[in-house]
């Protein structure tokens, strides 16, 4: 299992954060060759990355910890 957190918080001027990696779809496609479960973690309203197994939005830190421990 791999957890990805593909997006950074928007800037104060509401522009997209330049820290956002633009090649997530390609990276996930490559990762799927070796990993069966790729989970995207983020905030509601974010775009789902193609090819991820699951998308989990608005998790609290404890919920992320439990997800890691479970797998």
PDB file of N, CA and C in Angstrom:
ATOM      1  N   UNK A   1       0.846  -1.181   0.000  1.00  0.00           N
ATOM      2  CA  UNK A   1       0.000   0.000   0.000  1.00  0.00           C
ATOM      3  C   UNK A   1       0.889   1.241   0.000  1.00  0.00           C
ATOM      4  N   UNK A   2       0.484   2.183  -0.782  1.00  0.00           N
ATOM      5  CA  UNK A   2       1.150   3.480  -0.816  1.00  0.00           C
ATOM      6  C   UNK A   2       0.091   4.551  -0.609  1.00  0.00           C
ATOM      7  N   UNK A   3       0.394   5.501   0.255  1.00  0.00           N
ATOM      8  CA  UNK A   3      -0.472   6.667   0.435  1.00  0.00           C
ATOM      9  C   UNK A   3       0.147   7.823  -0.321  1.00  0.00           C
ATOM     10  N   UNK A   4      -0.676   8.533  -1.074  1.00  0.00           N
ATOM     11  CA  UNK A   4      -0.181   9.736  -1.736  1.00  0.00           C
ATOM     12  C   UNK A   4      -1.011  10.928  -1.263  1.00  0.00           C
ATOM     13  N   UNK A   5      -0.348  12.023  -1.123  1.00  0.00           N
ATOM     14  CA  UNK A   5      -0.959  13.297  -0.735  1.00  0.00           C
ATOM     15  C   UNK A   5      -0.596  14.285  -1.843  1.00  0.00           C
ATOM     16  N   UNK A   6      -1.328  14.265  -2.955  1.00  0.00           N
ATOM     17  CA  UNK A   6      -0.865  14.941  -4.158  1.00  0.00           C
ATOM     18  C   UNK A   6      -0.971  16.470  -4.191  1.00  0.00           C
ATOM     19  N   UNK A   7      -1.756  17.038  -3.325  1.00  0.00           N
ATOM     20  CA  UNK A   7      -1.961  18.477  -3.454  1.00  0.00           C
ATOM     21  C   UNK A   7      -1.575  19.219  -2.185  1.00  0.00           C
ATOM     22  N   UNK A   8      -1.042  20.409  -2.367  1.00  0.00           N
ATOM     23  CA  UNK A   8      -0.716  21.307  -1.259  1.00  0.00           C
ATOM     24  C   UNK A   8      -1.829  22.358  -1.142  1.00  0.00           C
ATOM     25  N   UNK A   9      -1.913  22.936   0.025  1.00  0.00           N
ATOM     26  CA  UNK A   9      -2.937  23.957   0.286  1.00  0.00           C
ATOM     27  C   UNK A   9      -2.823  25.105  -0.716  1.00  0.00           C
ATOM     28  N   UNK A  10      -3.968  25.617  -1.152  1.00  0.00           N
ATOM     29  CA  UNK A  10      -3.970  26.778  -2.061  1.00  0.00           C
ATOM     30  C   UNK A  10      -3.265  27.957  -1.394  1.00  0.00           C
ATOM     31  N   UNK A  11      -2.725  28.820  -2.211  1.00  0.00           N
ATOM     32  CA  UNK A  11      -2.058  30.015  -1.704  1.00  0.00           C
ATOM     33  C   UNK A  11      -3.085  31.023  -1.197  1.00  0.00           C
ATOM     34  N   UNK A  12      -2.639  31.999  -0.447  1.00  0.00           N
ATOM     35  CA  UNK A  12      -3.540  33.024   0.104  1.00  0.00           C
ATOM     36  C   UNK A  12      -4.299  33.788  -0.982  1.00  0.00           C
ATOM     37  N   UNK A  13      -3.712  33.888  -2.171  1.00  0.00           N
ATOM     38  CA  UNK A  13      -4.382  34.595  -3.268  1.00  0.00           C
ATOM     39  C   UNK A  13      -5.282  33.654  -4.089  1.00  0.00           C
ATOM     40  N   UNK A  14      -5.565  32.454  -3.538  1.00  0.00           N
ATOM     41  CA  UNK A  14      -6.432  31.432  -4.141  1.00  0.00           C
ATOM     42  C   UNK A  14      -5.840  30.753  -5.374  1.00  0.00           C
ATOM     43  N   UNK A  15      -4.584  31.013  -5.670  1.00  0.00           N
ATOM     44  CA  UNK A  15      -3.934  30.345  -6.797  1.00  0.00           C
ATOM     45  C   UNK A  15      -3.462  28.953  -6.363  1.00  0.00           C
ATOM     46  N   UNK A  16      -3.309  28.086  -7.348  1.00  0.00           N
ATOM     47  CA  UNK A  16      -2.808  26.746  -7.069  1.00  0.00           C
ATOM     48  C   UNK A  16      -1.388  26.834  -6.525  1.00  0.00           C
ATOM     49  N   UNK A  17      -1.070  25.958  -5.607  1.00  0.00           N
ATOM     50  CA  UNK A  17       0.255  25.944  -4.995  1.00  0.00           C
ATOM     51  C   UNK A  17       1.271  25.391  -5.996  1.00  0.00           C
ATOM     52  N   UNK A  18       2.394  26.072  -6.196  1.00  0.00           N
ATOM     53  CA  UNK A  18       3.400  25.581  -7.136  1.00  0.00           C
ATOM     54  C   UNK A  18       4.070  24.289  -6.669  1.00  0.00           C
ATOM     55  N   UNK A  19       3.828  23.869  -5.428  1.00  0.00           N
ATOM     56  CA  UNK A  19       4.380  22.612  -4.916  1.00  0.00           C
ATOM     57  C   UNK A  19       3.642  21.396  -5.469  1.00  0.00           C
ATOM     58  N   UNK A  20       2.470  21.618  -6.076  1.00  0.00           N
ATOM     59  CA  UNK A  20       1.710  20.498  -6.623  1.00  0.00           C
ATOM     60  C   UNK A  20       2.473  19.870  -7.779  1.00  0.00           C
ATOM     61  N   UNK A  21       2.700  18.570  -7.672  1.00  0.00           N
ATOM     62  CA  UNK A  21       3.400  17.804  -8.692  1.00  0.00           C
ATOM     63  C   UNK A  21       2.435  17.557  -9.844  1.00  0.00           C
ATOM     64  N   UNK A  22       2.849  17.818 -11.049  1.00  0.00           N
ATOM     65  CA  UNK A  22       1.926  17.765 -12.188  1.00  0.00           C
ATOM     66  C   UNK A  22       1.857  16.399 -12.872  1.00  0.00           C
ATOM     67  N   UNK A  23       2.656  15.437 -12.435  1.00  0.00           N
ATOM     68  CA  UNK A  23       2.714  14.149 -13.128  1.00  0.00           C
ATOM     69  C   UNK A  23       2.211  12.986 -12.277  1.00  0.00           C
ATOM     70  N   UNK A  24       1.220  13.242 -11.422  1.00  0.00           N
ATOM     71  CA  UNK A  24       0.705  12.177 -10.554  1.00  0.00           C
ATOM     72  C   UNK A  24       0.103  11.029 -11.353  1.00  0.00           C
ATOM     73  N   UNK A  25      -0.642  11.307 -12.395  1.00  0.00           N
ATOM     74  CA  UNK A  25      -1.270  10.225 -13.168  1.00  0.00           C
ATOM     75  C   UNK A  25      -0.216   9.271 -13.724  1.00  0.00           C
ATOM     76  N   UNK A  26       0.849   9.815 -14.244  1.00  0.00           N
ATOM     77  CA  UNK A  26       1.920   9.001 -14.795  1.00  0.00           C
ATOM     78  C   UNK A  26       2.631   8.224 -13.686  1.00  0.00           C
ATOM     79  N   UNK A  27       2.888   8.874 -12.568  1.00  0.00           N
ATOM     80  CA  UNK A  27       3.569   8.222 -11.452  1.00  0.00           C
ATOM     81  C   UNK A  27       2.727   7.078 -10.899  1.00  0.00           C
ATOM     82  N   UNK A  28       1.439   7.300 -10.709  1.00  0.00           N
ATOM     83  CA  UNK A  28       0.554   6.243 -10.205  1.00  0.00           C
ATOM     84  C   UNK A  28       0.531   5.072 -11.185  1.00  0.00           C
ATOM     85  N   UNK A  29       0.510   5.356 -12.468  1.00  0.00           N
ATOM     86  CA  UNK A  29       0.532   4.296 -13.468  1.00  0.00           C
ATOM     87  C   UNK A  29       1.782   3.428 -13.313  1.00  0.00           C
ATOM     88  N   UNK A  30       2.908   4.038 -13.070  1.00  0.00           N
ATOM     89  CA  UNK A  30       4.154   3.287 -12.855  1.00  0.00           C
ATOM     90  C   UNK A  30       4.125   2.516 -11.537  1.00  0.00           C
ATOM     91  N   UNK A  31       3.614   3.131 -10.485  1.00  0.00           N
ATOM     92  CA  UNK A  31       3.564   2.489  -9.169  1.00  0.00           C
ATOM     93  C   UNK A  31       2.647   1.271  -9.169  1.00  0.00           C
ATOM     94  N   UNK A  32       1.590   1.312  -9.971  1.00  0.00           N
ATOM     95  CA  UNK A  32       0.630   0.201 -10.016  1.00  0.00           C
ATOM     96  C   UNK A  32       1.269  -1.092 -10.501  1.00  0.00           C
ATOM     97  N   UNK A  33       2.399  -0.999 -11.162  1.00  0.00           N
ATOM     98  CA  UNK A  33       3.092  -2.201 -11.618  1.00  0.00           C
ATOM     99  C   UNK A  33       3.644  -3.007 -10.438  1.00  0.00           C
ATOM    100  N   UNK A  34       3.955  -2.326  -9.340  1.00  0.00           N
ATOM    101  CA  UNK A  34       4.559  -2.991  -8.184  1.00  0.00           C
ATOM    102  C   UNK A  34       3.706  -2.977  -6.922  1.00  0.00           C
ATOM    103  N   UNK A  35       2.696  -2.125  -6.880  1.00  0.00           N
ATOM    104  CA  UNK A  35       1.861  -2.004  -5.684  1.00  0.00           C
ATOM    105  C   UNK A  35       0.400  -2.148  -6.077  1.00  0.00           C
ATOM    106  N   UNK A  36      -0.314  -2.974  -5.311  1.00  0.00           N
ATOM    107  CA  UNK A  36      -1.712  -3.218  -5.664  1.00  0.00           C
ATOM    108  C   UNK A  36      -2.665  -2.179  -5.103  1.00  0.00           C
ATOM    109  N   UNK A  37      -2.257  -1.448  -4.078  1.00  0.00           N
ATOM    110  CA  UNK A  37      -3.174  -0.492  -3.462  1.00  0.00           C
ATOM    111  C   UNK A  37      -2.484   0.864  -3.314  1.00  0.00           C
ATOM    112  N   UNK A  38      -3.050   1.865  -3.983  1.00  0.00           N
ATOM    113  CA  UNK A  38      -2.558   3.240  -3.882  1.00  0.00           C
ATOM    114  C   UNK A  38      -3.738   4.091  -3.435  1.00  0.00           C
ATOM    115  N   UNK A  39      -3.582   4.744  -2.301  1.00  0.00           N
ATOM    116  CA  UNK A  39      -4.673   5.524  -1.716  1.00  0.00           C
ATOM    117  C   UNK A  39      -4.313   7.002  -1.744  1.00  0.00           C
ATOM    118  N   UNK A  40      -5.205   7.793  -2.291  1.00  0.00           N
ATOM    119  CA  UNK A  40      -5.036   9.241  -2.316  1.00  0.00           C
ATOM    120  C   UNK A  40      -5.679   9.827  -1.072  1.00  0.00           C
ATOM    121  N   UNK A  41      -4.932  10.654  -0.366  1.00  0.00           N
ATOM    122  CA  UNK A  41      -5.418  11.358   0.820  1.00  0.00           C
ATOM    123  C   UNK A  41      -5.459  12.846   0.489  1.00  0.00           C
ATOM    124  N   UNK A  42      -6.524  13.519   0.881  1.00  0.00           N
ATOM    125  CA  UNK A  42      -6.602  14.943   0.588  1.00  0.00           C
ATOM    126  C   UNK A  42      -7.819  15.595   1.200  1.00  0.00           C
ATOM    127  N   UNK A  43      -8.178  16.709   0.639  1.00  0.00           N
ATOM    128  CA  UNK A  43      -9.333  17.481   1.092  1.00  0.00           C
ATOM    129  C   UNK A  43     -10.431  17.414   0.046  1.00  0.00           C
ATOM    130  N   UNK A  44     -11.670  17.468   0.501  1.00  0.00           N
ATOM    131  CA  UNK A  44     -12.778  17.407  -0.454  1.00  0.00           C
ATOM    132  C   UNK A  44     -12.639  18.552  -1.458  1.00  0.00           C
ATOM    133  N   UNK A  45     -12.987  18.251  -2.678  1.00  0.00           N
ATOM    134  CA  UNK A  45     -12.862  19.226  -3.755  1.00  0.00           C
ATOM    135  C   UNK A  45     -11.614  19.021  -4.592  1.00  0.00           C
ATOM    136  N   UNK A  46     -10.668  18.219  -4.097  1.00  0.00           N
ATOM    137  CA  UNK A  46      -9.468  17.951  -4.885  1.00  0.00           C
ATOM    138  C   UNK A  46      -9.804  16.958  -5.997  1.00  0.00           C
ATOM    139  N   UNK A  47      -9.055  17.027  -7.051  1.00  0.00           N
ATOM    140  CA  UNK A  47      -9.259  16.146  -8.192  1.00  0.00           C
ATOM    141  C   UNK A  47      -8.689  14.768  -7.875  1.00  0.00           C
ATOM    142  N   UNK A  48      -9.455  13.730  -8.215  1.00  0.00           N
ATOM    143  CA  UNK A  48      -8.986  12.366  -8.019  1.00  0.00           C
ATOM    144  C   UNK A  48      -7.922  12.047  -9.062  1.00  0.00           C
ATOM    145  N   UNK A  49      -6.826  11.462  -8.595  1.00  0.00           N
ATOM    146  CA  UNK A  49      -5.751  11.051  -9.488  1.00  0.00           C
ATOM    147  C   UNK A  49      -6.174   9.754 -10.180  1.00  0.00           C
ATOM    148  N   UNK A  50      -5.965   9.671 -11.490  1.00  0.00           N
ATOM    149  CA  UNK A  50      -6.318   8.472 -12.248  1.00  0.00           C
ATOM    150  C   UNK A  50      -5.559   7.264 -11.725  1.00  0.00           C
ATOM    151  N   UNK A  51      -6.270   6.158 -11.566  1.00  0.00           N
ATOM    152  CA  UNK A  51      -5.617   4.899 -11.239  1.00  0.00           C
ATOM    153  C   UNK A  51      -5.487   4.583  -9.759  1.00  0.00           C
ATOM    154  N   UNK A  52      -5.822   5.532  -8.867  1.00  0.00           N
ATOM    155  CA  UNK A  52      -5.719   5.211  -7.442  1.00  0.00           C
ATOM    156  C   UNK A  52      -6.823   4.234  -7.062  1.00  0.00           C
ATOM    157  N   UNK A  53      -6.542   3.408  -6.045  1.00  0.00           N
ATOM    158  CA  UNK A  53      -7.506   2.403  -5.592  1.00  0.00           C
ATOM    159  C   UNK A  53      -8.641   3.036  -4.795  1.00  0.00           C
ATOM    160  N   UNK A  54      -8.282   3.999  -3.973  1.00  0.00           N
ATOM    161  CA  UNK A  54      -9.256   4.670  -3.104  1.00  0.00           C
ATOM    162  C   UNK A  54      -8.886   6.132  -2.952  1.00  0.00           C
ATOM    163  N   UNK A  55      -9.891   6.927  -2.626  1.00  0.00           N
ATOM    164  CA  UNK A  55      -9.680   8.334  -2.303  1.00  0.00           C
ATOM    165  C   UNK A  55     -10.319   8.567  -0.941  1.00  0.00           C
ATOM    166  N   UNK A  56      -9.570   9.157  -0.042  1.00  0.00           N
ATOM    167  CA  UNK A  56     -10.081   9.456   1.299  1.00  0.00           C
ATOM    168  C   UNK A  56      -9.878  10.946   1.541  1.00  0.00           C
ATOM    169  N   UNK A  57     -10.987  11.639   1.719  1.00  0.00           N
ATOM    170  CA  UNK A  57     -10.924  13.075   1.932  1.00  0.00           C
ATOM    171  C   UNK A  57     -11.226  13.430   3.380  1.00  0.00           C
ATOM    172  N   UNK A  58     -10.616  14.515   3.822  1.00  0.00           N
ATOM    173  CA  UNK A  58     -10.890  15.141   5.117  1.00  0.00           C
ATOM    174  C   UNK A  58     -10.652  14.222   6.308  1.00  0.00           C
ATOM    175  N   UNK A  59      -9.629  13.378   6.228  1.00  0.00           N
ATOM    176  CA  UNK A  59      -9.302  12.516   7.359  1.00  0.00           C
ATOM    177  C   UNK A  59      -8.563  13.295   8.435  1.00  0.00           C
ATOM    178  N   UNK A  60      -8.814  12.937   9.662  1.00  0.00           N
ATOM    179  CA  UNK A  60      -8.049  13.497  10.778  1.00  0.00           C
ATOM    180  C   UNK A  60      -6.755  12.700  10.881  1.00  0.00           C
ATOM    181  N   UNK A  61      -5.750  13.271  11.537  1.00  0.00           N
ATOM    182  CA  UNK A  61      -4.451  12.617  11.646  1.00  0.00           C
ATOM    183  C   UNK A  61      -4.579  11.216  12.252  1.00  0.00           C
ATOM    184  N   UNK A  62      -5.421  11.067  13.248  1.00  0.00           N
ATOM    185  CA  UNK A  62      -5.615   9.757  13.882  1.00  0.00           C
ATOM    186  C   UNK A  62      -6.180   8.751  12.880  1.00  0.00           C
ATOM    187  N   UNK A  63      -7.061   9.182  12.001  1.00  0.00           N
ATOM    188  CA  UNK A  63      -7.627   8.291  10.980  1.00  0.00           C
ATOM    189  C   UNK A  63      -6.549   7.857   9.984  1.00  0.00           C
ATOM    190  N   UNK A  64      -5.636   8.749   9.666  1.00  0.00           N
ATOM    191  CA  UNK A  64      -4.515   8.395   8.775  1.00  0.00           C
ATOM    192  C   UNK A  64      -3.610   7.397   9.478  1.00  0.00           C
ATOM    193  N   UNK A  65      -3.339   7.623  10.748  1.00  0.00           N
ATOM    194  CA  UNK A  65      -2.528   6.671  11.536  1.00  0.00           C
ATOM    195  C   UNK A  65      -3.169   5.285  11.522  1.00  0.00           C
ATOM    196  N   UNK A  66      -4.482   5.233  11.766  1.00  0.00           N
ATOM    197  CA  UNK A  66      -5.187   3.943  11.773  1.00  0.00           C
ATOM    198  C   UNK A  66      -5.132   3.261  10.419  1.00  0.00           C
ATOM    199  N   UNK A  67      -5.227   4.024   9.359  1.00  0.00           N
ATOM    200  CA  UNK A  67      -5.147   3.479   8.013  1.00  0.00           C
ATOM    201  C   UNK A  67      -3.780   2.831   7.778  1.00  0.00           C
ATOM    202  N   UNK A  68      -2.747   3.505   8.220  1.00  0.00           N
ATOM    203  CA  UNK A  68      -1.373   2.973   8.065  1.00  0.00           C
ATOM    204  C   UNK A  68      -1.213   1.708   8.895  1.00  0.00           C
ATOM    205  N   UNK A  69      -1.652   1.745  10.129  1.00  0.00           N
ATOM    206  CA  UNK A  69      -1.512   0.578  11.022  1.00  0.00           C
ATOM    207  C   UNK A  69      -2.298  -0.617  10.499  1.00  0.00           C
ATOM    208  N   UNK A  70      -3.461  -0.369   9.909  1.00  0.00           N
ATOM    209  CA  UNK A  70      -4.327  -1.437   9.406  1.00  0.00           C
ATOM    210  C   UNK A  70      -3.671  -2.183   8.247  1.00  0.00           C
ATOM    211  N   UNK A  71      -2.858  -1.490   7.484  1.00  0.00           N
ATOM    212  CA  UNK A  71      -2.235  -2.111   6.309  1.00  0.00           C
ATOM    213  C   UNK A  71      -0.789  -2.399   6.628  1.00  0.00           C
TER     214      UNK A  71
END
